[in-house]
Amino acid sequence: MIRLLVEKSKRLLTVFDGEQVLFCCPVALGKNPTGHKQREGDGRTPEGNYFICLKRESGKYGPALGISYPSLADARRAAEDGRLDPSLLPLFEAAEREQKRPPWGTSLGGEIYLHGGGTASDWTAGCIALENKNMAELFALCREGDRVEINP
């Protein structure tokens, strides 16, 4: 199974097959890259453990891999501090249990993707951008359910 490690501080994506490194490439992050994504529109890239919940063959920046943000852990923290209605937690629990896309229409934001578009600067709304050639390679390797770890 493929595992992705994004190191935000290094602007680096490492792709693993088991313990073997398949490749590394630079990434660009959200316009406000420091810290964990808290809400829709904050320009931050999430931090935590996620999975690929969607593969989209074409879009504004070419092929894209949807990340399962907000995770159940994100939703629980947000419900505890009042940023999310706790009645929505069962939807996040089901998404995590079934390895499906979590609710993306909440105050926490969503639709966080790995996609092309370039890495010259941090420019996304919270997504992780790659050079188009690297994204094509990554898209071919990944499947829904593959793990994504995003570290500060």
N, C-alpha and C. Protein backbone atom coordinates (compact mmCIF):
# COMPACT_ATOMS: atom_id res chain seq x y z
N MET A 1 0.84 -1.19 0.00
CA MET A 1 0.00 0.00 0.00
C MET A 1 0.88 1.25 0.00
N ILE A 2 0.48 2.21 -0.75
CA ILE A 2 1.20 3.48 -0.85
C ILE A 2 0.88 4.34 0.37
N ARG A 3 1.90 5.03 0.87
CA ARG A 3 1.74 5.96 1.99
C ARG A 3 2.42 7.26 1.60
N LEU A 4 1.74 8.37 1.86
CA LEU A 4 2.28 9.68 1.53
C LEU A 4 2.63 10.42 2.83
N LEU A 5 3.80 11.03 2.84
CA LEU A 5 4.22 11.86 3.96
C LEU A 5 4.49 13.26 3.43
N VAL A 6 3.74 14.23 3.95
CA VAL A 6 3.96 15.63 3.60
C VAL A 6 4.58 16.31 4.81
N GLU A 7 5.76 16.88 4.60
CA GLU A 7 6.44 17.65 5.63
C GLU A 7 6.29 19.13 5.26
N LYS A 8 5.35 19.80 5.92
CA LYS A 8 5.03 21.18 5.55
C LYS A 8 6.25 22.09 5.68
N SER A 9 7.00 21.97 6.77
CA SER A 9 8.13 22.87 6.98
C SER A 9 9.20 22.73 5.91
N LYS A 10 9.31 21.54 5.33
CA LYS A 10 10.29 21.29 4.27
C LYS A 10 9.70 21.46 2.88
N ARG A 11 8.37 21.63 2.80
CA ARG A 11 7.66 21.70 1.50
C ARG A 11 8.02 20.46 0.67
N LEU A 12 7.89 19.29 1.30
CA LEU A 12 8.34 18.04 0.69
C LEU A 12 7.30 16.94 0.84
N LEU A 13 7.07 16.22 -0.24
CA LEU A 13 6.23 15.03 -0.26
C LEU A 13 7.11 13.83 -0.51
N THR A 14 7.00 12.81 0.36
CA THR A 14 7.71 11.55 0.16
C THR A 14 6.67 10.46 -0.01
N VAL A 15 6.86 9.64 -1.03
CA VAL A 15 5.93 8.56 -1.35
C VAL A 15 6.60 7.24 -1.01
N PHE A 16 5.93 6.45 -0.17
CA PHE A 16 6.45 5.16 0.27
C PHE A 16 5.59 4.02 -0.25
N ASP A 17 6.24 2.91 -0.55
CA ASP A 17 5.57 1.63 -0.75
C ASP A 17 6.11 0.74 0.35
N GLY A 18 5.35 0.53 1.41
CA GLY A 18 5.88 -0.10 2.61
C GLY A 18 6.92 0.83 3.21
N GLU A 19 8.15 0.34 3.36
CA GLU A 19 9.24 1.17 3.88
C GLU A 19 10.12 1.73 2.77
N GLN A 20 9.87 1.32 1.54
CA GLN A 20 10.68 1.77 0.41
C GLN A 20 10.20 3.12 -0.10
N VAL A 21 11.14 4.06 -0.25
CA VAL A 21 10.82 5.37 -0.81
C VAL A 21 10.74 5.24 -2.33
N LEU A 22 9.60 5.60 -2.89
CA LEU A 22 9.43 5.56 -4.34
C LEU A 22 9.91 6.85 -4.99
N PHE A 23 9.52 7.98 -4.40
CA PHE A 23 10.05 9.26 -4.87
C PHE A 23 9.70 10.36 -3.89
N CYS A 24 10.43 11.47 -4.03
CA CYS A 24 10.20 12.69 -3.25
C CYS A 24 10.03 13.83 -4.23
N CYS A 25 9.24 14.81 -3.85
CA CYS A 25 9.09 15.99 -4.71
C CYS A 25 8.69 17.19 -3.87
N PRO A 26 8.96 18.38 -4.38
CA PRO A 26 8.56 19.59 -3.67
C PRO A 26 7.05 19.81 -3.77
N VAL A 27 6.51 20.52 -2.78
CA VAL A 27 5.10 20.88 -2.77
C VAL A 27 4.93 22.35 -2.41
N ALA A 28 3.79 22.89 -2.76
CA ALA A 28 3.36 24.20 -2.29
C ALA A 28 2.13 23.98 -1.42
N LEU A 29 1.90 24.89 -0.48
CA LEU A 29 0.83 24.74 0.49
C LEU A 29 -0.17 25.89 0.37
N GLY A 30 -1.06 25.97 1.35
CA GLY A 30 -2.01 27.07 1.41
C GLY A 30 -1.31 28.41 1.61
N LYS A 31 -2.02 29.47 1.28
CA LYS A 31 -1.47 30.83 1.37
C LYS A 31 -1.05 31.20 2.79
N ASN A 32 -1.64 30.55 3.78
CA ASN A 32 -1.33 30.79 5.19
C ASN A 32 -0.89 29.44 5.78
N PRO A 33 0.33 28.99 5.45
CA PRO A 33 0.69 27.59 5.69
C PRO A 33 1.00 27.18 7.12
N THR A 34 1.25 28.13 8.01
CA THR A 34 1.66 27.78 9.37
C THR A 34 0.45 27.41 10.22
N GLY A 35 0.53 26.25 10.88
CA GLY A 35 -0.55 25.80 11.75
C GLY A 35 -1.54 24.91 11.03
N HIS A 36 -2.39 24.28 11.82
CA HIS A 36 -3.39 23.33 11.34
C HIS A 36 -4.64 24.05 10.87
N LYS A 37 -5.22 23.59 9.80
CA LYS A 37 -6.47 24.16 9.29
C LYS A 37 -7.53 24.11 10.38
N GLN A 38 -8.20 25.24 10.60
CA GLN A 38 -9.23 25.35 11.64
C GLN A 38 -10.63 25.54 11.09
N ARG A 39 -10.71 26.22 9.94
CA ARG A 39 -12.03 26.57 9.40
C ARG A 39 -11.93 26.85 7.91
N GLU A 40 -13.07 26.83 7.27
CA GLU A 40 -13.12 27.14 5.85
C GLU A 40 -12.60 28.56 5.62
N GLY A 41 -11.76 28.71 4.60
CA GLY A 41 -11.28 30.03 4.22
C GLY A 41 -10.06 30.53 4.97
N ASP A 42 -9.47 29.72 5.87
CA ASP A 42 -8.31 30.23 6.62
C ASP A 42 -7.00 30.11 5.85
N GLY A 43 -7.00 29.48 4.68
CA GLY A 43 -5.81 29.38 3.85
C GLY A 43 -4.75 28.44 4.37
N ARG A 44 -5.10 27.63 5.36
CA ARG A 44 -4.12 26.71 5.94
C ARG A 44 -4.27 25.31 5.35
N THR A 45 -3.17 24.60 5.33
CA THR A 45 -3.14 23.19 4.93
C THR A 45 -3.27 22.36 6.20
N PRO A 46 -4.16 21.36 6.21
CA PRO A 46 -4.36 20.56 7.42
C PRO A 46 -3.08 19.85 7.87
N GLU A 47 -3.09 19.42 9.12
CA GLU A 47 -2.02 18.59 9.69
C GLU A 47 -2.69 17.41 10.38
N GLY A 48 -2.16 16.22 10.15
CA GLY A 48 -2.72 15.04 10.80
C GLY A 48 -2.67 13.83 9.89
N ASN A 49 -3.45 12.83 10.26
CA ASN A 49 -3.50 11.57 9.52
C ASN A 49 -4.80 11.47 8.75
N TYR A 50 -4.67 11.25 7.46
CA TYR A 50 -5.80 11.22 6.55
C TYR A 50 -5.64 10.04 5.60
N PHE A 51 -6.56 9.94 4.65
CA PHE A 51 -6.46 8.95 3.59
C PHE A 51 -6.99 9.56 2.30
N ILE A 52 -6.62 8.94 1.19
CA ILE A 52 -7.14 9.38 -0.11
C ILE A 52 -8.61 8.94 -0.16
N CYS A 53 -9.51 9.90 -0.28
CA CYS A 53 -10.94 9.58 -0.27
C CYS A 53 -11.58 9.76 -1.63
N LEU A 54 -10.82 10.26 -2.61
CA LEU A 54 -11.39 10.55 -3.92
C LEU A 54 -10.26 10.67 -4.94
N LYS A 55 -10.46 10.06 -6.09
CA LYS A 55 -9.55 10.26 -7.23
C LYS A 55 -10.34 10.94 -8.34
N ARG A 56 -9.87 12.10 -8.76
CA ARG A 56 -10.54 12.86 -9.82
C ARG A 56 -9.57 12.99 -10.99
N GLU A 57 -9.95 12.46 -12.14
CA GLU A 57 -9.03 12.41 -13.28
C GLU A 57 -8.74 13.77 -13.90
N SER A 58 -9.67 14.71 -13.78
CA SER A 58 -9.40 16.03 -14.35
C SER A 58 -10.11 17.10 -13.53
N GLY A 59 -9.52 18.25 -13.53
CA GLY A 59 -10.06 19.40 -12.79
C GLY A 59 -9.29 20.64 -13.19
N LYS A 60 -9.47 21.70 -12.46
CA LYS A 60 -8.82 22.97 -12.77
C LYS A 60 -7.31 22.83 -12.88
N TYR A 61 -6.72 21.97 -12.02
CA TYR A 61 -5.26 21.77 -12.02
C TYR A 61 -4.89 20.36 -12.44
N GLY A 62 -5.72 19.74 -13.27
CA GLY A 62 -5.43 18.39 -13.77
C GLY A 62 -5.92 17.33 -12.80
N PRO A 63 -5.31 16.14 -12.83
CA PRO A 63 -5.73 15.07 -11.93
C PRO A 63 -5.54 15.48 -10.47
N ALA A 64 -6.42 14.97 -9.60
CA ALA A 64 -6.37 15.36 -8.20
C ALA A 64 -6.75 14.19 -7.31
N LEU A 65 -6.17 14.19 -6.12
CA LEU A 65 -6.46 13.19 -5.09
C LEU A 65 -7.06 13.91 -3.89
N GLY A 66 -8.30 13.58 -3.56
CA GLY A 66 -8.97 14.19 -2.42
C GLY A 66 -8.46 13.60 -1.11
N ILE A 67 -8.24 14.46 -0.13
CA ILE A 67 -7.76 14.05 1.19
C ILE A 67 -8.95 14.10 2.16
N SER A 68 -9.00 13.16 3.07
CA SER A 68 -10.14 13.01 3.97
C SER A 68 -10.18 14.03 5.11
N TYR A 69 -9.86 15.26 4.81
CA TYR A 69 -10.03 16.36 5.77
C TYR A 69 -11.44 16.91 5.61
N PRO A 70 -12.12 17.19 6.70
CA PRO A 70 -11.77 17.02 8.09
C PRO A 70 -11.94 15.56 8.55
N SER A 71 -10.97 15.10 9.30
CA SER A 71 -11.03 13.74 9.83
C SER A 71 -11.96 13.70 11.04
N LEU A 72 -12.21 12.51 11.53
CA LEU A 72 -13.01 12.38 12.74
C LEU A 72 -12.34 13.11 13.91
N ALA A 73 -11.01 13.01 14.00
CA ALA A 73 -10.29 13.72 15.07
C ALA A 73 -10.47 15.24 14.93
N ASP A 74 -10.40 15.76 13.70
CA ASP A 74 -10.63 17.19 13.48
C ASP A 74 -12.04 17.58 13.91
N ALA A 75 -13.02 16.75 13.53
CA ALA A 75 -14.42 17.04 13.85
C ALA A 75 -14.66 17.00 15.36
N ARG A 76 -14.08 16.03 16.04
CA ARG A 76 -14.25 15.94 17.50
C ARG A 76 -13.68 17.18 18.20
N ARG A 77 -12.47 17.60 17.79
CA ARG A 77 -11.88 18.80 18.39
C ARG A 77 -12.77 20.02 18.14
N ALA A 78 -13.27 20.13 16.92
CA ALA A 78 -14.11 21.28 16.57
C ALA A 78 -15.44 21.26 17.33
N ALA A 79 -16.01 20.08 17.54
CA ALA A 79 -17.25 19.98 18.31
C ALA A 79 -17.00 20.37 19.77
N GLU A 80 -15.86 19.97 20.31
CA GLU A 80 -15.52 20.29 21.70
C GLU A 80 -15.35 21.79 21.92
N ASP A 81 -14.77 22.48 20.92
CA ASP A 81 -14.54 23.92 21.12
C ASP A 81 -15.58 24.81 20.43
N GLY A 82 -16.67 24.21 19.97
CA GLY A 82 -17.78 25.00 19.46
C GLY A 82 -17.73 25.40 18.00
N ARG A 83 -16.75 24.88 17.25
CA ARG A 83 -16.67 25.23 15.83
C ARG A 83 -17.52 24.33 14.94
N LEU A 84 -18.07 23.25 15.49
CA LEU A 84 -18.86 22.30 14.72
C LEU A 84 -20.02 21.79 15.57
N ASP A 85 -21.18 21.70 14.96
CA ASP A 85 -22.36 21.15 15.64
C ASP A 85 -22.10 19.68 15.96
N PRO A 86 -22.14 19.29 17.23
CA PRO A 86 -21.86 17.90 17.60
C PRO A 86 -22.79 16.88 16.94
N SER A 87 -23.96 17.29 16.51
CA SER A 87 -24.88 16.35 15.86
C SER A 87 -24.34 15.84 14.53
N LEU A 88 -23.28 16.49 14.00
CA LEU A 88 -22.66 16.06 12.75
C LEU A 88 -21.62 14.95 12.94
N LEU A 89 -21.21 14.71 14.18
CA LEU A 89 -20.15 13.72 14.44
C LEU A 89 -20.45 12.33 13.87
N PRO A 90 -21.69 11.83 13.92
CA PRO A 90 -21.94 10.51 13.32
C PRO A 90 -21.60 10.44 11.83
N LEU A 91 -21.73 11.54 11.11
CA LEU A 91 -21.36 11.56 9.69
C LEU A 91 -19.85 11.36 9.51
N PHE A 92 -19.08 11.99 10.39
CA PHE A 92 -17.62 11.83 10.34
C PHE A 92 -17.20 10.43 10.79
N GLU A 93 -17.89 9.91 11.78
CA GLU A 93 -17.60 8.55 12.24
C GLU A 93 -17.84 7.54 11.12
N ALA A 94 -18.95 7.68 10.41
CA ALA A 94 -19.26 6.76 9.31
C ALA A 94 -18.25 6.90 8.18
N ALA A 95 -17.86 8.13 7.85
CA ALA A 95 -16.89 8.34 6.77
C ALA A 95 -15.56 7.68 7.11
N GLU A 96 -15.12 7.83 8.34
CA GLU A 96 -13.85 7.22 8.75
C GLU A 96 -13.95 5.69 8.75
N ARG A 97 -15.02 5.18 9.30
CA ARG A 97 -15.22 3.73 9.40
C ARG A 97 -15.28 3.08 8.01
N GLU A 98 -15.95 3.75 7.08
CA GLU A 98 -16.16 3.21 5.74
C GLU A 98 -15.10 3.66 4.74
N GLN A 99 -14.12 4.45 5.22
CA GLN A 99 -13.06 4.99 4.34
C GLN A 99 -13.66 5.73 3.15
N LYS A 100 -14.60 6.62 3.45
CA LYS A 100 -15.29 7.43 2.44
C LYS A 100 -14.99 8.90 2.69
N ARG A 101 -15.40 9.74 1.74
CA ARG A 101 -15.21 11.18 1.85
C ARG A 101 -16.01 11.71 3.04
N PRO A 102 -15.37 12.51 3.91
CA PRO A 102 -16.11 13.11 5.03
C PRO A 102 -16.97 14.27 4.52
N PRO A 103 -17.86 14.78 5.36
CA PRO A 103 -18.64 15.96 4.95
C PRO A 103 -17.71 17.14 4.65
N TRP A 104 -17.87 17.71 3.47
CA TRP A 104 -17.03 18.84 3.07
C TRP A 104 -17.76 20.17 3.15
N GLY A 105 -19.01 20.18 3.48
CA GLY A 105 -19.76 21.43 3.48
C GLY A 105 -19.95 22.03 4.86
N THR A 106 -19.04 21.79 5.78
CA THR A 106 -19.18 22.32 7.14
C THR A 106 -18.30 23.56 7.33
N SER A 107 -18.39 24.14 8.52
CA SER A 107 -17.57 25.31 8.86
C SER A 107 -16.08 25.01 8.87
N LEU A 108 -15.71 23.72 8.92
CA LEU A 108 -14.29 23.35 8.96
C LEU A 108 -13.65 23.41 7.58
N GLY A 109 -14.44 23.50 6.54
CA GLY A 109 -13.91 23.46 5.18
C GLY A 109 -13.78 22.02 4.72
N GLY A 110 -13.16 21.86 3.59
CA GLY A 110 -12.99 20.54 2.99
C GLY A 110 -12.48 20.71 1.59
N GLU A 111 -12.68 19.69 0.79
CA GLU A 111 -12.18 19.71 -0.59
C GLU A 111 -10.70 20.04 -0.62
N ILE A 112 -9.94 19.38 0.25
CA ILE A 112 -8.49 19.53 0.26
C ILE A 112 -7.93 18.44 -0.64
N TYR A 113 -7.17 18.85 -1.64
CA TYR A 113 -6.64 17.93 -2.64
C TYR A 113 -5.12 18.00 -2.72
N LEU A 114 -4.55 16.94 -3.23
CA LEU A 114 -3.22 16.95 -3.83
C LEU A 114 -3.49 17.17 -5.31
N HIS A 115 -2.90 18.21 -5.88
CA HIS A 115 -3.15 18.50 -7.30
C HIS A 115 -1.94 19.19 -7.92
N GLY A 116 -1.97 19.37 -9.22
CA GLY A 116 -0.90 20.05 -9.93
C GLY A 116 -1.03 21.56 -9.79
N GLY A 117 -0.27 22.25 -10.62
CA GLY A 117 -0.35 23.71 -10.64
C GLY A 117 0.95 24.42 -10.29
N GLY A 118 1.90 23.68 -9.73
CA GLY A 118 3.20 24.28 -9.50
C GLY A 118 3.53 24.52 -8.04
N THR A 119 4.84 24.69 -7.80
CA THR A 119 5.36 24.79 -6.43
C THR A 119 6.24 26.02 -6.20
N ALA A 120 6.09 27.03 -7.04
CA ALA A 120 6.96 28.21 -6.92
C ALA A 120 6.74 28.98 -5.62
N SER A 121 5.51 28.95 -5.09
CA SER A 121 5.21 29.64 -3.83
C SER A 121 3.99 28.97 -3.21
N ASP A 122 3.68 29.32 -1.96
CA ASP A 122 2.47 28.81 -1.30
C ASP A 122 1.30 29.64 -1.82
N TRP A 123 0.39 28.99 -2.52
CA TRP A 123 -0.65 29.74 -3.23
C TRP A 123 -2.05 29.14 -3.15
N THR A 124 -2.19 27.95 -2.60
CA THR A 124 -3.50 27.30 -2.64
C THR A 124 -4.40 27.80 -1.50
N ALA A 125 -5.66 27.35 -1.54
CA ALA A 125 -6.61 27.69 -0.47
C ALA A 125 -6.48 26.72 0.70
N GLY A 126 -5.50 25.83 0.66
CA GLY A 126 -5.28 24.84 1.71
C GLY A 126 -4.85 23.49 1.14
N CYS A 127 -4.91 23.37 -0.17
CA CYS A 127 -4.50 22.14 -0.84
C CYS A 127 -2.98 22.01 -0.85
N ILE A 128 -2.53 20.87 -1.35
CA ILE A 128 -1.10 20.60 -1.52
C ILE A 128 -0.86 20.50 -3.02
N ALA A 129 -0.08 21.43 -3.55
CA ALA A 129 0.18 21.49 -4.99
C ALA A 129 1.54 20.90 -5.33
N LEU A 130 1.58 20.22 -6.46
CA LEU A 130 2.81 19.62 -6.99
C LEU A 130 3.03 20.15 -8.39
N GLU A 131 4.22 19.91 -8.91
CA GLU A 131 4.45 20.14 -10.33
C GLU A 131 3.59 19.13 -11.09
N ASN A 132 3.12 19.50 -12.25
CA ASN A 132 2.18 18.65 -12.99
C ASN A 132 2.76 17.26 -13.29
N LYS A 133 4.04 17.19 -13.63
CA LYS A 133 4.64 15.88 -13.94
C LYS A 133 4.68 14.99 -12.71
N ASN A 134 4.95 15.57 -11.53
CA ASN A 134 4.96 14.80 -10.29
C ASN A 134 3.54 14.35 -9.92
N MET A 135 2.56 15.22 -10.17
CA MET A 135 1.18 14.87 -9.87
C MET A 135 0.73 13.71 -10.75
N ALA A 136 1.12 13.71 -12.00
CA ALA A 136 0.75 12.61 -12.90
C ALA A 136 1.30 11.28 -12.38
N GLU A 137 2.54 11.30 -11.92
CA GLU A 137 3.15 10.09 -11.37
C GLU A 137 2.44 9.65 -10.09
N LEU A 138 2.16 10.60 -9.21
CA LEU A 138 1.48 10.29 -7.97
C LEU A 138 0.07 9.74 -8.22
N PHE A 139 -0.65 10.36 -9.11
CA PHE A 139 -2.01 9.92 -9.42
C PHE A 139 -2.03 8.48 -9.90
N ALA A 140 -1.05 8.11 -10.71
CA ALA A 140 -0.98 6.74 -11.23
C ALA A 140 -0.70 5.72 -10.12
N LEU A 141 0.02 6.13 -9.08
CA LEU A 141 0.39 5.23 -7.99
C LEU A 141 -0.70 5.03 -6.95
N CYS A 142 -1.46 6.07 -6.68
CA CYS A 142 -2.35 6.08 -5.52
C CYS A 142 -3.72 5.49 -5.81
N ARG A 143 -4.29 4.94 -4.72
CA ARG A 143 -5.67 4.44 -4.75
C ARG A 143 -6.43 5.03 -3.57
N GLU A 144 -7.75 5.03 -3.68
CA GLU A 144 -8.55 5.44 -2.54
C GLU A 144 -8.20 4.54 -1.36
N GLY A 145 -8.07 5.14 -0.19
CA GLY A 145 -7.71 4.40 1.02
C GLY A 145 -6.24 4.51 1.38
N ASP A 146 -5.38 4.92 0.43
CA ASP A 146 -3.97 5.09 0.75
C ASP A 146 -3.82 6.18 1.82
N ARG A 147 -2.88 5.97 2.73
CA ARG A 147 -2.69 6.86 3.87
C ARG A 147 -1.93 8.13 3.48
N VAL A 148 -2.30 9.23 4.14
CA VAL A 148 -1.65 10.53 3.94
C VAL A 148 -1.36 11.11 5.32
N GLU A 149 -0.09 11.34 5.61
CA GLU A 149 0.31 11.96 6.88
C GLU A 149 0.86 13.34 6.55
N ILE A 150 0.28 14.35 7.19
CA ILE A 150 0.72 15.74 6.98
C ILE A 150 1.26 16.25 8.30
N ASN A 151 2.56 16.53 8.31
CA ASN A 151 3.25 17.00 9.51
C ASN A 151 3.57 18.49 9.39
N PRO A 152 3.68 19.17 10.55
CA PRO A 152 4.02 20.62 10.52
C PRO A 152 5.33 20.89 9.82
